[in-house]
Amino acid sequence: MKSNASPRLAAVRILSSVFKGEFYDVEDAVSMSSDDKRDRDLCRRLVLGAVEKNEELTDRLNLVSKTPVSKMRPILAANLKAALYQLLYLDAVPDFAAVNEAVAITKKTVSPSLAGFTNAVLRAALNSAADYKPSSLSAKYSLPEWFINSLAADYGKENALKICEGFSRKTADIIRVNTLKTDLSSLSSVYGSRISPLTDTAAVFTFDGSVSEDERFKNGLFHFQNLSSQMCVETLSPKAGETILDCCASPGGKSFTAAEIMNNVGHIDCLDVSEEKVAKIRDGAGRLGIDIIETRVGDAKTYDCEKRYDRIICDVPCSGFGLLRKRPYIKLKNEASLSELPDLQFAIAKNCLRLLKTGGTLVYSTCTLREAENGAVVKKLIETGEAECVSSGVTAGVIDKENMITVIPDGIREGFFFAKLIKTGK
């Protein structure tokens, strides 16, 4: 059932729950906030914006409030952050109107006695905005302190700062041209400046309107895939006629790119844990005109079959910290809650090695930047004596540690990790 609350009030309620750690499915919560698309869009901008800038907003509020944000009721803190984000980063509403609405929300959700406090804190934060100096790296980059510390421990302070800077850049929508149907030159000549080529097969796509209604998309001329993910598949180097496994495949982008590189000749098994997930892959493959993909429902930890694969894409479930620009709510995860991931990742990769032909290639990848989920897992695989890590040939904009590649996020690439493993047969 849709809420009848204003988009600001809906955003404050969602933020209050998110900051308390009650859920992370922000998009689902926003979709239930209103029947009006404009209201939902504003609610989404406020929620994602306040989460993305959470550490900065907290710092700004702490500098002007006698009561620290950590001591405030969650609903009050959420209201102040949503309002301050709107004041600093959105222009559609006059400042006085944004402050007045925040005061009204405080009266409704907390207490009329705190209306004056809300007004005073927001006006003080707005008046001091031009002179604001972050009190910490966490506030400067709006990243959790523990995460910045872990980056420094894993990659050194200099690389950690490069990664933090990368997260502060705007992200772009990247497409992979479907070379089975067209090429980037043809696509660019037809649609002009809306497509800005990055490589022979990848481009920035400036998109207006609904993706699902776009004729280029419906005709399967491209699919969306971040450049880091495309690099991962290119490192796999799939060949026409080979048999490939994508073990955690949904929504299918890596398999689609592999099939295109293979010129739609060979076989790709796409495995994932539910029919809902593999249905997305089938739909995408059909739209792109790819017929060498076969979907399978199964658990990558225990999946078994008689065949042995030439190459395997092992993109394991992870904490997702490389995707903070598109999914800022990921950073609200508690570090302790991530402790079981490396064991799961190793179990999946170990089982996939078993399914790989001797001399075959497995690319282990994640969309996170935590060494515990990346290099540490790969080293554990190497220690089994069943695989060796070889050069991927990627050098630009990455951190290379013993052939293990961490992609530094920038305007066109998300934070990413991959390592190319060859099964030794030992």
Protein backbone atom coordinates (compact mmCIF):
# COMPACT_ATOMS: atom_id res chain seq x y z
CA MET A 1 0.00 0.00 0.00
CA LYS A 2 1.38 3.39 -1.01
CA SER A 3 2.04 6.05 1.61
CA ASN A 4 0.20 9.39 1.47
CA ALA A 5 3.07 11.25 3.18
CA SER A 6 4.89 14.12 1.50
CA PRO A 7 8.11 13.06 -0.27
CA ARG A 8 10.17 14.82 2.44
CA LEU A 9 8.36 13.06 5.27
CA ALA A 10 8.54 9.72 3.44
CA ALA A 11 12.28 10.23 2.93
CA VAL A 12 12.80 11.05 6.62
CA ARG A 13 10.99 7.90 7.72
CA ILE A 14 13.01 5.74 5.32
CA LEU A 15 16.27 7.37 6.40
CA SER A 16 15.44 6.87 10.06
CA SER A 17 14.99 3.14 9.49
CA VAL A 18 18.10 2.88 7.32
CA PHE A 19 20.31 4.69 9.82
CA LYS A 20 19.04 2.38 12.56
CA GLY A 21 20.15 -0.58 10.42
CA GLU A 22 16.65 -1.96 9.98
CA PHE A 23 16.94 -2.51 6.20
CA TYR A 24 18.97 -1.64 3.10
CA ASP A 25 16.35 -2.18 0.37
CA VAL A 26 16.04 1.54 -0.23
CA GLU A 27 14.59 1.25 -3.74
CA ASP A 28 11.76 -0.97 -2.51
CA ALA A 29 10.95 1.46 0.29
CA VAL A 30 11.00 4.43 -2.09
CA SER A 31 8.74 2.62 -4.57
CA MET A 32 6.12 2.33 -1.82
CA SER A 33 6.37 5.99 -0.80
CA SER A 34 3.88 7.45 -3.29
CA ASP A 35 1.74 6.84 -6.36
CA ASP A 36 3.14 10.04 -7.88
CA LYS A 37 6.35 9.55 -9.86
CA ARG A 38 7.61 13.07 -9.15
CA ASP A 39 7.16 12.54 -5.43
CA ARG A 40 8.94 9.18 -5.61
CA ASP A 41 11.81 10.74 -7.56
CA LEU A 42 12.25 13.49 -4.95
CA CYS A 43 12.03 10.95 -2.14
CA ARG A 44 14.72 8.84 -3.84
CA ARG A 45 17.03 11.84 -4.36
CA LEU A 46 16.71 12.84 -0.72
CA VAL A 47 17.24 9.34 0.64
CA LEU A 48 20.17 8.40 -1.58
CA GLY A 49 21.68 11.87 -1.30
CA ALA A 50 21.50 11.94 2.51
CA VAL A 51 22.99 8.46 2.71
CA GLU A 52 25.74 9.30 0.20
CA LYS A 53 26.68 12.45 2.14
CA ASN A 54 25.92 11.00 5.58
CA GLU A 55 29.34 11.52 7.14
CA GLU A 56 29.65 15.06 5.77
CA LEU A 57 26.14 16.00 6.90
CA THR A 58 26.79 14.56 10.35
CA ASP A 59 30.00 16.57 10.59
CA ARG A 60 28.30 19.81 9.52
CA LEU A 61 25.49 19.31 12.04
CA ASN A 62 27.87 18.44 14.87
CA LEU A 63 29.78 21.67 14.26
CA VAL A 64 26.69 23.83 14.90
CA SER A 65 24.62 21.75 17.33
CA LYS A 66 25.20 21.45 21.09
CA THR A 67 23.61 18.01 20.87
CA PRO A 68 25.73 15.56 18.80
CA VAL A 69 23.90 13.72 16.03
CA SER A 70 24.69 10.42 17.76
CA LYS A 71 22.63 11.56 20.78
CA MET A 72 19.60 12.64 18.76
CA ARG A 73 16.54 10.51 18.18
CA PRO A 74 17.00 8.76 14.79
CA ILE A 75 13.92 10.41 13.29
CA LEU A 76 15.21 13.88 14.25
CA ALA A 77 18.69 13.18 12.89
CA ALA A 78 17.18 11.84 9.66
CA ASN A 79 15.03 14.96 9.30
CA LEU A 80 18.00 17.30 9.82
CA LYS A 81 20.17 15.37 7.34
CA ALA A 82 17.46 15.25 4.67
CA ALA A 83 16.79 18.96 5.07
CA LEU A 84 20.47 19.92 5.09
CA TYR A 85 21.11 17.80 1.98
CA GLN A 86 18.24 19.59 0.26
CA LEU A 87 19.59 22.98 1.31
CA LEU A 88 23.12 22.25 0.12
CA TYR A 89 22.61 20.12 -2.98
CA LEU A 90 19.11 20.68 -4.41
CA ASP A 91 17.81 23.93 -5.90
CA ALA A 92 14.13 23.29 -6.58
CA VAL A 93 12.87 24.55 -3.20
CA PRO A 94 13.77 27.94 -1.63
CA ASP A 95 15.86 27.67 1.55
CA PHE A 96 13.16 29.12 3.80
CA ALA A 97 10.61 26.61 2.50
CA ALA A 98 12.97 23.66 3.09
CA VAL A 99 13.66 24.83 6.66
CA ASN A 100 9.96 25.41 7.34
CA GLU A 101 9.06 21.93 6.15
CA ALA A 102 11.79 20.41 8.34
CA VAL A 103 10.36 22.31 11.32
CA ALA A 104 6.88 20.99 10.51
CA ILE A 105 8.19 17.42 10.27
CA THR A 106 9.92 17.76 13.66
CA LYS A 107 6.66 18.91 15.20
CA LYS A 108 4.83 15.95 13.67
CA THR A 109 7.36 13.16 14.26
CA VAL A 110 9.28 14.23 17.38
CA SER A 111 7.90 17.13 19.45
CA PRO A 112 6.76 20.73 18.96
CA SER A 113 9.27 21.67 21.65
CA LEU A 114 12.14 20.84 19.24
CA ALA A 115 10.84 23.04 16.41
CA GLY A 116 13.06 25.94 17.44
CA PHE A 117 16.06 23.65 17.73
CA THR A 118 15.48 22.33 14.20
CA ASN A 119 15.17 25.84 12.80
CA ALA A 120 18.28 27.12 14.60
CA VAL A 121 20.53 24.18 13.69
CA LEU A 122 19.60 24.19 9.99
CA ARG A 123 20.03 27.96 9.67
CA ALA A 124 23.38 27.82 11.45
CA ALA A 125 24.58 24.98 9.19
CA LEU A 126 23.43 26.90 6.11
CA ASN A 127 25.05 30.16 7.24
CA SER A 128 28.38 28.41 7.89
CA ALA A 129 28.31 26.34 4.70
CA ALA A 130 30.73 28.53 2.75
CA ASP A 131 33.37 28.31 5.49
CA TYR A 132 32.93 24.61 6.22
CA LYS A 133 36.11 22.56 6.62
CA PRO A 134 35.73 18.79 7.16
CA SER A 135 37.01 17.64 10.53
CA SER A 136 38.19 14.26 9.20
CA LEU A 137 38.83 12.25 6.04
CA SER A 138 35.59 10.44 6.80
CA ALA A 139 33.68 13.72 6.62
CA LYS A 140 35.64 14.94 3.58
CA TYR A 141 34.85 11.86 1.50
CA SER A 142 31.62 10.84 3.26
CA LEU A 143 32.93 7.34 3.87
CA PRO A 144 32.94 5.32 7.11
CA GLU A 145 36.14 5.74 9.10
CA TRP A 146 36.60 1.98 9.41
CA PHE A 147 36.41 1.62 5.62
CA ILE A 148 39.03 4.31 4.99
CA ASN A 149 41.29 2.68 7.58
CA SER A 150 40.85 -0.71 5.92
CA LEU A 151 41.75 0.77 2.50
CA ALA A 152 44.92 2.25 3.97
CA ALA A 153 45.83 -1.07 5.59
CA ASP A 154 45.16 -3.01 2.39
CA TYR A 155 46.62 -0.66 -0.23
CA GLY A 156 48.66 2.00 1.58
CA LYS A 157 47.65 5.59 2.36
CA GLU A 158 48.38 6.97 -1.12
CA ASN A 159 46.25 4.40 -2.94
CA ALA A 160 43.56 4.68 -0.26
CA LEU A 161 43.26 8.40 -0.98
CA LYS A 162 43.08 7.73 -4.73
CA ILE A 163 40.19 5.33 -4.11
CA CYS A 164 38.42 7.85 -1.86
CA GLU A 165 38.85 10.56 -4.50
CA GLY A 166 37.45 8.17 -7.09
CA PHE A 167 34.29 7.69 -5.06
CA SER A 168 33.75 11.46 -5.05
CA ARG A 169 33.45 11.59 -8.86
CA LYS A 170 30.16 11.31 -10.68
CA THR A 171 29.48 7.99 -12.33
CA ALA A 172 28.33 7.47 -15.91
CA ASP A 173 26.09 4.92 -17.60
CA ILE A 174 28.30 2.61 -19.65
CA ILE A 175 27.12 0.38 -22.47
CA ARG A 176 28.68 -2.60 -24.22
CA VAL A 177 27.76 -2.65 -27.90
CA ASN A 178 26.30 -5.93 -29.14
CA THR A 179 28.82 -6.85 -31.83
CA LEU A 180 26.52 -9.64 -33.01
CA LYS A 181 24.18 -6.98 -34.39
CA THR A 182 26.12 -3.76 -34.89
CA ASP A 183 29.31 -1.92 -34.01
CA LEU A 184 30.04 1.17 -31.98
CA SER A 185 30.83 3.27 -35.02
CA SER A 186 27.41 2.55 -36.55
CA LEU A 187 25.67 3.11 -33.23
CA SER A 188 27.47 6.43 -32.75
CA SER A 189 26.81 7.68 -36.27
CA VAL A 190 23.10 7.01 -35.93
CA TYR A 191 22.67 8.48 -32.47
CA GLY A 192 25.33 11.16 -32.46
CA SER A 193 26.79 12.72 -29.34
CA ARG A 194 24.56 10.81 -26.97
CA ILE A 195 27.11 7.98 -27.25
CA SER A 196 30.72 8.79 -26.33
CA PRO A 197 33.08 5.92 -27.25
CA LEU A 198 35.59 4.71 -24.65
CA THR A 199 36.91 1.65 -26.48
CA ASP A 200 35.95 -0.21 -29.67
CA THR A 201 33.03 -1.80 -27.84
CA ALA A 202 32.27 0.40 -24.80
CA ALA A 203 30.81 3.88 -24.53
CA VAL A 204 29.27 6.42 -22.18
CA PHE A 205 25.56 6.56 -22.90
CA THR A 206 23.70 9.78 -22.11
CA PHE A 207 20.20 8.44 -21.76
CA ASP A 208 16.82 10.20 -21.57
CA GLY A 209 13.56 8.49 -20.77
CA SER A 210 12.77 4.86 -19.97
CA VAL A 211 15.38 2.29 -20.96
CA SER A 212 12.74 -0.35 -21.59
CA GLU A 213 11.03 1.86 -24.18
CA ASP A 214 14.18 2.77 -26.11
CA GLU A 215 14.23 1.12 -29.55
CA ARG A 216 18.00 0.59 -29.48
CA PHE A 217 17.69 -1.28 -26.21
CA LYS A 218 14.62 -3.27 -27.26
CA ASN A 219 16.37 -4.30 -30.49
CA GLY A 220 19.33 -5.61 -28.51
CA LEU A 221 21.97 -3.27 -29.90
CA PHE A 222 23.65 -2.96 -26.50
CA HIS A 223 23.49 -3.85 -22.84
CA PHE A 224 24.53 -1.83 -19.81
CA GLN A 225 27.79 -2.98 -18.23
CA ASN A 226 30.35 -1.03 -16.28
CA LEU A 227 33.78 -0.82 -17.85
CA SER A 228 35.40 -2.67 -14.92
CA SER A 229 33.11 -5.63 -15.51
CA GLN A 230 33.88 -5.56 -19.23
CA MET A 231 37.60 -5.60 -18.46
CA CYS A 232 37.05 -8.67 -16.30
CA VAL A 233 35.49 -10.63 -19.19
CA GLU A 234 38.17 -9.49 -21.60
CA THR A 235 40.74 -10.84 -19.13
CA LEU A 236 38.97 -14.22 -19.31
CA SER A 237 39.67 -14.19 -23.10
CA PRO A 238 36.82 -16.51 -24.14
CA LYS A 239 37.18 -18.17 -27.55
CA ALA A 240 34.57 -19.28 -30.09
CA GLY A 241 33.63 -22.93 -29.61
CA GLU A 242 34.58 -23.10 -25.93
CA THR A 243 32.42 -24.25 -23.02
CA ILE A 244 32.15 -21.67 -20.26
CA LEU A 245 30.53 -21.46 -16.83
CA ASP A 246 29.32 -18.22 -15.25
CA CYS A 247 28.73 -19.42 -11.71
CA CYS A 248 26.90 -16.44 -10.13
CA ALA A 249 25.59 -15.05 -13.35
CA SER A 250 22.56 -12.82 -12.80
CA PRO A 251 21.73 -10.41 -14.35
CA GLY A 252 23.98 -11.82 -17.10
CA GLY A 253 26.18 -8.94 -18.27
CA LYS A 254 29.44 -10.87 -18.16
CA SER A 255 27.93 -13.83 -19.99
CA PHE A 256 26.48 -11.54 -22.66
CA THR A 257 29.87 -9.96 -23.25
CA ALA A 258 31.55 -13.38 -23.36
CA ALA A 259 29.00 -14.62 -25.91
CA GLU A 260 29.59 -11.57 -28.09
CA ILE A 261 33.36 -12.06 -27.94
CA MET A 262 32.78 -15.72 -28.89
CA ASN A 263 30.66 -14.58 -31.87
CA ASN A 264 27.78 -16.61 -30.43
CA VAL A 265 29.65 -19.88 -31.07
CA GLY A 266 30.17 -22.33 -28.22
CA HIS A 267 28.25 -22.85 -24.99
CA ILE A 268 27.80 -20.84 -21.77
CA ASP A 269 26.14 -22.27 -18.68
CA CYS A 270 24.72 -19.47 -16.51
CA LEU A 271 24.15 -20.56 -12.93
CA ASP A 272 22.34 -18.72 -10.15
CA VAL A 273 20.35 -19.54 -7.04
CA SER A 274 16.77 -18.85 -8.16
CA GLU A 275 14.48 -19.05 -11.16
CA GLU A 276 13.81 -15.33 -10.79
CA LYS A 277 17.50 -14.57 -11.25
CA VAL A 278 18.07 -16.86 -14.22
CA ALA A 279 14.89 -15.59 -15.88
CA LYS A 280 16.55 -12.16 -16.11
CA ILE A 281 19.47 -13.78 -17.92
CA ARG A 282 17.18 -15.56 -20.39
CA ASP A 283 15.30 -12.34 -21.10
CA GLY A 284 18.53 -10.42 -21.69
CA ALA A 285 20.01 -13.12 -23.92
CA GLY A 286 16.83 -13.23 -25.99
CA ARG A 287 16.81 -9.48 -26.47
CA LEU A 288 20.46 -9.53 -27.58
CA GLY A 289 19.98 -12.47 -29.95
CA ILE A 290 22.35 -14.75 -28.01
CA ASP A 291 21.48 -18.44 -28.25
CA ILE A 292 24.56 -20.16 -26.75
CA ILE A 293 23.47 -19.41 -23.17
CA GLU A 294 21.77 -22.09 -21.06
CA THR A 295 20.49 -21.09 -17.64
CA ARG A 296 20.64 -23.33 -14.59
CA VAL A 297 19.28 -22.90 -11.06
CA GLY A 298 21.78 -24.05 -8.45
CA ASP A 299 24.19 -23.24 -5.64
CA ALA A 300 27.70 -22.44 -6.87
CA LYS A 301 29.19 -23.94 -3.69
CA THR A 302 27.89 -27.39 -4.52
CA TYR A 303 27.05 -27.29 -8.24
CA ASP A 304 28.25 -30.37 -10.10
CA CYS A 305 28.05 -31.73 -13.62
CA GLU A 306 29.87 -34.23 -15.79
CA LYS A 307 31.39 -31.66 -18.13
CA ARG A 308 34.58 -29.77 -17.42
CA TYR A 309 34.78 -26.15 -18.54
CA ASP A 310 37.40 -24.36 -20.63
CA ARG A 311 36.87 -21.12 -18.73
CA ILE A 312 34.89 -20.01 -15.69
CA ILE A 313 33.63 -16.60 -14.62
CA CYS A 314 33.65 -16.68 -10.82
CA ASP A 315 32.09 -13.37 -9.79
CA VAL A 316 31.24 -14.20 -6.19
CA PRO A 317 28.74 -12.59 -3.80
CA CYS A 318 30.51 -9.79 -1.94
CA SER A 319 30.04 -6.74 0.25
CA GLY A 320 29.75 -4.48 -2.82
CA PHE A 321 31.95 -1.64 -1.57
CA GLY A 322 33.17 -0.88 -5.08
CA LEU A 323 29.67 0.29 -6.04
CA LEU A 324 29.24 3.03 -3.45
CA ARG A 325 28.56 5.75 -6.02
CA LYS A 326 25.49 3.95 -7.35
CA ARG A 327 24.47 2.22 -4.11
CA PRO A 328 25.62 4.50 -1.29
CA TYR A 329 23.54 2.64 1.32
CA ILE A 330 26.05 -0.23 1.08
CA LYS A 331 28.43 1.75 3.30
CA LEU A 332 25.95 1.51 6.18
CA LYS A 333 26.74 -2.17 6.52
CA ASN A 334 28.42 -3.15 9.76
CA GLU A 335 31.99 -4.38 9.27
CA ALA A 336 31.42 -7.30 11.61
CA SER A 337 28.51 -8.52 9.45
CA LEU A 338 30.92 -9.16 6.56
CA SER A 339 33.11 -11.68 8.38
CA GLU A 340 31.54 -14.79 6.84
CA LEU A 341 31.87 -13.68 3.23
CA PRO A 342 35.47 -14.87 2.60
CA ASP A 343 34.58 -18.45 3.56
CA LEU A 344 31.60 -18.41 1.17
CA GLN A 345 33.72 -16.91 -1.60
CA PHE A 346 36.48 -19.48 -1.15
CA ALA A 347 33.96 -22.35 -1.14
CA ILE A 348 32.47 -21.16 -4.45
CA ALA A 349 35.86 -20.61 -6.10
CA LYS A 350 37.22 -23.93 -4.85
CA ASN A 351 34.24 -25.80 -6.29
CA CYS A 352 34.59 -23.94 -9.59
CA LEU A 353 38.27 -24.92 -9.83
CA ARG A 354 37.14 -28.53 -9.55
CA LEU A 355 34.88 -28.02 -12.58
CA LEU A 356 37.66 -26.44 -14.67
CA LYS A 357 39.77 -28.33 -17.17
CA THR A 358 43.48 -28.63 -16.41
CA GLY A 359 45.09 -25.61 -18.06
CA GLY A 360 41.75 -23.82 -18.11
CA THR A 361 41.19 -20.23 -17.00
CA LEU A 362 39.14 -19.01 -14.06
CA VAL A 363 38.68 -15.30 -13.38
CA TYR A 364 37.81 -14.61 -9.76
CA SER A 365 36.13 -11.23 -9.34
CA THR A 366 34.20 -9.07 -6.91
CA CYS A 367 32.74 -5.57 -6.91
CA THR A 368 34.32 -4.79 -3.55
CA LEU A 369 37.64 -3.29 -2.44
CA ARG A 370 38.21 -5.29 0.74
CA GLU A 371 41.41 -7.37 0.72
CA ALA A 372 39.76 -9.98 2.93
CA GLU A 373 37.31 -10.77 0.10
CA ASN A 374 39.80 -10.34 -2.71
CA GLY A 375 43.53 -11.01 -2.51
CA ALA A 376 43.23 -13.09 0.65
CA VAL A 377 40.77 -15.47 -1.04
CA VAL A 378 42.91 -15.76 -4.18
CA LYS A 379 46.03 -16.49 -2.12
CA LYS A 380 44.15 -19.22 -0.30
CA LEU A 381 43.20 -20.74 -3.66
CA ILE A 382 46.83 -20.63 -4.82
CA GLU A 383 47.93 -22.31 -1.60
CA THR A 384 45.81 -25.35 -2.48
CA GLY A 385 48.32 -26.05 -5.26
CA GLU A 386 45.50 -26.24 -7.81
CA ALA A 387 46.00 -22.88 -9.53
CA GLU A 388 48.44 -20.12 -10.27
CA CYS A 389 47.71 -16.42 -10.71
CA VAL A 390 48.94 -14.96 -14.01
CA SER A 391 49.10 -11.48 -15.47
CA SER A 392 45.89 -10.00 -16.85
CA GLY A 393 47.75 -7.43 -18.90
CA VAL A 394 45.74 -4.58 -17.33
CA THR A 395 47.90 -1.72 -16.07
CA ALA A 396 46.13 1.64 -16.33
CA GLY A 397 44.19 2.96 -13.33
CA VAL A 398 44.66 -0.16 -11.23
CA ILE A 399 46.59 -1.47 -8.25
CA ASP A 400 48.49 -4.61 -9.23
CA LYS A 401 49.51 -6.84 -6.32
CA GLU A 402 51.10 -10.09 -7.52
CA ASN A 403 48.92 -10.10 -10.67
CA MET A 404 45.78 -9.43 -8.62
CA ILE A 405 44.04 -6.35 -9.99
CA THR A 406 42.12 -3.75 -7.99
CA VAL A 407 40.40 -1.19 -10.22
CA ILE A 408 40.40 2.32 -8.76
CA PRO A 409 36.96 3.90 -9.23
CA ASP A 410 36.80 6.89 -11.56
CA GLY A 411 34.25 8.53 -13.80
CA ILE A 412 33.74 5.46 -15.98
CA ARG A 413 34.89 2.49 -13.88
CA GLU A 414 33.49 1.20 -10.61
CA GLY A 415 35.71 -0.16 -7.87
CA PHE A 416 36.41 -3.76 -8.80
CA PHE A 417 38.77 -6.68 -8.25
CA PHE A 418 39.76 -9.57 -10.49
CA ALA A 419 42.48 -12.18 -10.74
CA LYS A 420 43.22 -14.54 -13.62
CA LEU A 421 43.89 -18.10 -12.45
CA ILE A 422 45.14 -21.05 -14.47
CA LYS A 423 44.37 -24.55 -13.21
CA THR A 424 47.66 -26.36 -12.80
CA GLY A 425 46.28 -29.89 -12.39
CA LYS A 426 48.24 -30.51 -9.22
